[in-house]
Amino acid sequence: MSEWFRQGADGRITLTLHIQPGARKTEFAGLHGDALKIRLAAPPVDGKANEALIKFVAETLNLPKSAVSLKSGQTSRRKVLEVQGTTSEAVVRLTAD
């Protein structure tokens, strides 16, 4: 099992992410220590990067935005997301892109 995600008994998946806001384009960028690195084109102002992150992860996993929530890291590059309604196999495919 990977260090950047954990699956709870209730089916919820927790993702540990390292975010690089203000990038040229939004994309997955491999692993960064024990976190999955994501580059976001959105700037880190007024919560725009957080909104873009939730939208990007939800779209990638074919889930509604309401299934993805930010649990910690509101103003930090290190963020923890909670995802409902997906499988760990789908999440692992995020790094294969």
C-alpha atoms as a PDB file:
ATOM      1  CA  MET A   1       0.000   0.000   0.000  1.00  0.00           C
ATOM      2  CA  SER A   2       1.306   3.432  -0.914  1.00  0.00           C
ATOM      3  CA  GLU A   3       2.165   6.077   1.683  1.00  0.00           C
ATOM      4  CA  TRP A   4       0.279   8.904  -0.064  1.00  0.00           C
ATOM      5  CA  PHE A   5      -3.135   7.292   0.219  1.00  0.00           C
ATOM      6  CA  ARG A   6      -4.986   5.295   2.838  1.00  0.00           C
ATOM      7  CA  GLN A   7      -8.320   3.526   2.626  1.00  0.00           C
ATOM      8  CA  GLY A   8     -10.554   3.503   5.677  1.00  0.00           C
ATOM      9  CA  ALA A   9     -12.887   0.722   6.740  1.00  0.00           C
ATOM     10  CA  ASP A  10     -15.852   2.854   5.628  1.00  0.00           C
ATOM     11  CA  GLY A  11     -14.522   3.037   2.043  1.00  0.00           C
ATOM     12  CA  ARG A  12     -13.284   6.603   2.243  1.00  0.00           C
ATOM     13  CA  ILE A  13      -9.838   7.246   0.829  1.00  0.00           C
ATOM     14  CA  THR A  14      -7.437   9.817   2.247  1.00  0.00           C
ATOM     15  CA  LEU A  15      -4.882  11.371  -0.101  1.00  0.00           C
ATOM     16  CA  THR A  16      -1.727  13.165   1.069  1.00  0.00           C
ATOM     17  CA  LEU A  17      -0.708  15.686  -1.580  1.00  0.00           C
ATOM     18  CA  HIS A  18       2.070  18.188  -2.241  1.00  0.00           C
ATOM     19  CA  ILE A  19       0.693  21.066  -4.320  1.00  0.00           C
ATOM     20  CA  GLN A  20       2.590  23.400  -6.622  1.00  0.00           C
ATOM     21  CA  PRO A  21       0.216  26.280  -7.442  1.00  0.00           C
ATOM     22  CA  GLY A  22       0.806  28.714 -10.294  1.00  0.00           C
ATOM     23  CA  ALA A  23       2.205  26.036 -12.624  1.00  0.00           C
ATOM     24  CA  ARG A  24       2.006  26.232 -16.409  1.00  0.00           C
ATOM     25  CA  LYS A  25      -0.662  23.508 -16.490  1.00  0.00           C
ATOM     26  CA  THR A  26      -2.573  21.291 -14.087  1.00  0.00           C
ATOM     27  CA  GLU A  27      -1.119  17.787 -13.935  1.00  0.00           C
ATOM     28  CA  PHE A  28       0.150  14.973 -11.739  1.00  0.00           C
ATOM     29  CA  ALA A  29       3.900  15.177 -11.210  1.00  0.00           C
ATOM     30  CA  GLY A  30       4.809  11.900  -9.524  1.00  0.00           C
ATOM     31  CA  LEU A  31       5.752  11.410  -5.905  1.00  0.00           C
ATOM     32  CA  HIS A  32       7.224  14.003  -3.557  1.00  0.00           C
ATOM     33  CA  GLY A  33       8.422  12.151  -0.466  1.00  0.00           C
ATOM     34  CA  ASP A  34       5.371  10.493   1.064  1.00  0.00           C
ATOM     35  CA  ALA A  35       2.923  12.621  -0.955  1.00  0.00           C
ATOM     36  CA  LEU A  36       1.602  12.702  -4.511  1.00  0.00           C
ATOM     37  CA  LYS A  37       2.699  15.923  -6.210  1.00  0.00           C
ATOM     38  CA  ILE A  38       0.169  17.868  -8.249  1.00  0.00           C
ATOM     39  CA  ARG A  39       0.957  20.978 -10.259  1.00  0.00           C
ATOM     40  CA  LEU A  40      -1.966  23.409 -10.435  1.00  0.00           C
ATOM     41  CA  ALA A  41      -2.361  26.202 -12.977  1.00  0.00           C
ATOM     42  CA  ALA A  42      -4.492  28.133 -10.481  1.00  0.00           C
ATOM     43  CA  PRO A  43      -2.844  30.838  -8.362  1.00  0.00           C
ATOM     44  CA  PRO A  44      -2.591  30.380  -4.579  1.00  0.00           C
ATOM     45  CA  VAL A  45      -4.937  33.287  -3.784  1.00  0.00           C
ATOM     46  CA  ASP A  46      -8.474  33.449  -2.403  1.00  0.00           C
ATOM     47  CA  GLY A  47      -8.819  29.658  -2.287  1.00  0.00           C
ATOM     48  CA  LYS A  48      -8.592  29.317  -6.081  1.00  0.00           C
ATOM     49  CA  ALA A  49      -5.896  26.638  -5.891  1.00  0.00           C
ATOM     50  CA  ASN A  50      -7.951  24.605  -3.394  1.00  0.00           C
ATOM     51  CA  GLU A  51     -11.036  24.818  -5.632  1.00  0.00           C
ATOM     52  CA  ALA A  52      -8.981  23.824  -8.688  1.00  0.00           C
ATOM     53  CA  LEU A  53      -7.457  20.898  -6.788  1.00  0.00           C
ATOM     54  CA  ILE A  54     -10.824  19.497  -5.734  1.00  0.00           C
ATOM     55  CA  LYS A  55     -12.214  19.910  -9.257  1.00  0.00           C
ATOM     56  CA  PHE A  56      -9.135  18.264 -10.841  1.00  0.00           C
ATOM     57  CA  VAL A  57      -9.164  15.237  -8.522  1.00  0.00           C
ATOM     58  CA  ALA A  58     -12.945  14.793  -8.850  1.00  0.00           C
ATOM     59  CA  GLU A  59     -12.835  14.978 -12.656  1.00  0.00           C
ATOM     60  CA  THR A  60      -9.874  12.597 -12.841  1.00  0.00           C
ATOM     61  CA  LEU A  61     -11.706  10.017 -10.710  1.00  0.00           C
ATOM     62  CA  ASN A  62     -15.057  10.618 -12.488  1.00  0.00           C
ATOM     63  CA  LEU A  63     -16.701  11.743  -9.263  1.00  0.00           C
ATOM     64  CA  PRO A  64     -18.808  14.770  -8.350  1.00  0.00           C
ATOM     65  CA  LYS A  65     -16.920  17.578  -6.609  1.00  0.00           C
ATOM     66  CA  SER A  66     -19.025  16.906  -3.518  1.00  0.00           C
ATOM     67  CA  ALA A  67     -17.263  13.518  -3.152  1.00  0.00           C
ATOM     68  CA  VAL A  68     -13.894  15.245  -2.594  1.00  0.00           C
ATOM     69  CA  SER A  69     -13.207  17.382   0.474  1.00  0.00           C
ATOM     70  CA  LEU A  70     -10.177  19.192   1.847  1.00  0.00           C
ATOM     71  CA  LYS A  71      -9.440  17.859   5.333  1.00  0.00           C
ATOM     72  CA  SER A  72      -6.263  19.817   6.119  1.00  0.00           C
ATOM     73  CA  GLY A  73      -3.764  22.176   4.550  1.00  0.00           C
ATOM     74  CA  GLN A  74      -6.067  25.063   3.693  1.00  0.00           C
ATOM     75  CA  THR A  75      -3.111  27.472   3.248  1.00  0.00           C
ATOM     76  CA  SER A  76      -0.278  24.959   2.978  1.00  0.00           C
ATOM     77  CA  ARG A  77       1.329  23.191   0.025  1.00  0.00           C
ATOM     78  CA  ARG A  78       0.814  19.908   1.878  1.00  0.00           C
ATOM     79  CA  LYS A  79      -2.844  18.980   1.774  1.00  0.00           C
ATOM     80  CA  VAL A  80      -4.971  16.038   2.812  1.00  0.00           C
ATOM     81  CA  LEU A  81      -8.065  15.233   0.756  1.00  0.00           C
ATOM     82  CA  GLU A  82     -10.814  12.785   1.605  1.00  0.00           C
ATOM     83  CA  VAL A  83     -12.495  11.022  -1.315  1.00  0.00           C
ATOM     84  CA  GLN A  84     -15.766   9.086  -1.144  1.00  0.00           C
ATOM     85  CA  GLY A  85     -17.131   6.678  -3.731  1.00  0.00           C
ATOM     86  CA  THR A  86     -13.998   5.404  -5.435  1.00  0.00           C
ATOM     87  CA  THR A  87     -11.650   2.453  -5.159  1.00  0.00           C
ATOM     88  CA  SER A  88      -7.995   2.354  -4.205  1.00  0.00           C
ATOM     89  CA  GLU A  89      -7.254   0.902  -7.668  1.00  0.00           C
ATOM     90  CA  ALA A  90      -8.726   4.008  -9.316  1.00  0.00           C
ATOM     91  CA  VAL A  91      -6.619   6.235  -7.094  1.00  0.00           C
ATOM     92  CA  VAL A  92      -3.435   4.298  -7.901  1.00  0.00           C
ATOM     93  CA  ARG A  93      -4.121   4.892 -11.589  1.00  0.00           C
ATOM     94  CA  LEU A  94      -3.633   8.620 -10.909  1.00  0.00           C
ATOM     95  CA  THR A  95       0.126   8.093 -10.903  1.00  0.00           C
ATOM     96  CA  ALA A  96       0.051   6.046 -14.102  1.00  0.00           C
ATOM     97  CA  ASP A  97      -1.038   9.025 -16.231  1.00  0.00           C
END
